Amino acid sequence: MNELDVVEVLLVEDNPHDAEMTIRALTKGNFGHKLHWVKDGVEALDFIHCTGAYAGRHPEHQLRLVLLDLKMPRLNGLDVLRNLKTDPVTNTIPVVVMTSSNEDRDVLESHELGVNGYVQKPVQYQLFMEAVTQIGEYWLSLNQSPSR
């Protein structure tokens, strides 16, 4: 079994600083051992659909959570969300948008597309760490997702 087949959390984040803090918070909460980081929406869809650079990954290993930034190069988070939520194979994967955007239209469109949660990234380090830890605790410990 490939190490990418045991990934439970996909972090889709183009900002290395935010990615590092997210990984640190998830690791501190014991949720980081099955995490994979991609830097844009195209790479995220390749990973999820086992195409491109991730063609060797087995699609039957479903993610438990996608942490998704909105403002990214090549393909933005709303387009990724639209793809995931309209595909019967991936529409039950929980997706939490983590973004710096607090624009009403981003919040509304995310919810219209079926996002499971929308979190504006806190600017203060400690608040950011707490928010990510709480997301991890809920989605990876408390929430029960359908099995595939």
Foldseek 3Di string as FASTA:
>chain_A
DDLLLQAQEEEAAQDPVLVVLLLVLCVVLVNNPRYDYDRHLVVVVCSQVCHDPRVVHDNLSAHLEYEAEADGPPHGRLRSLLVQCVDPSRNQRAYEYEYQDPDPVVVVSSVVSPHPYYHHQDPDSVVNSVVSSVVCCCSVPPDDTDRD
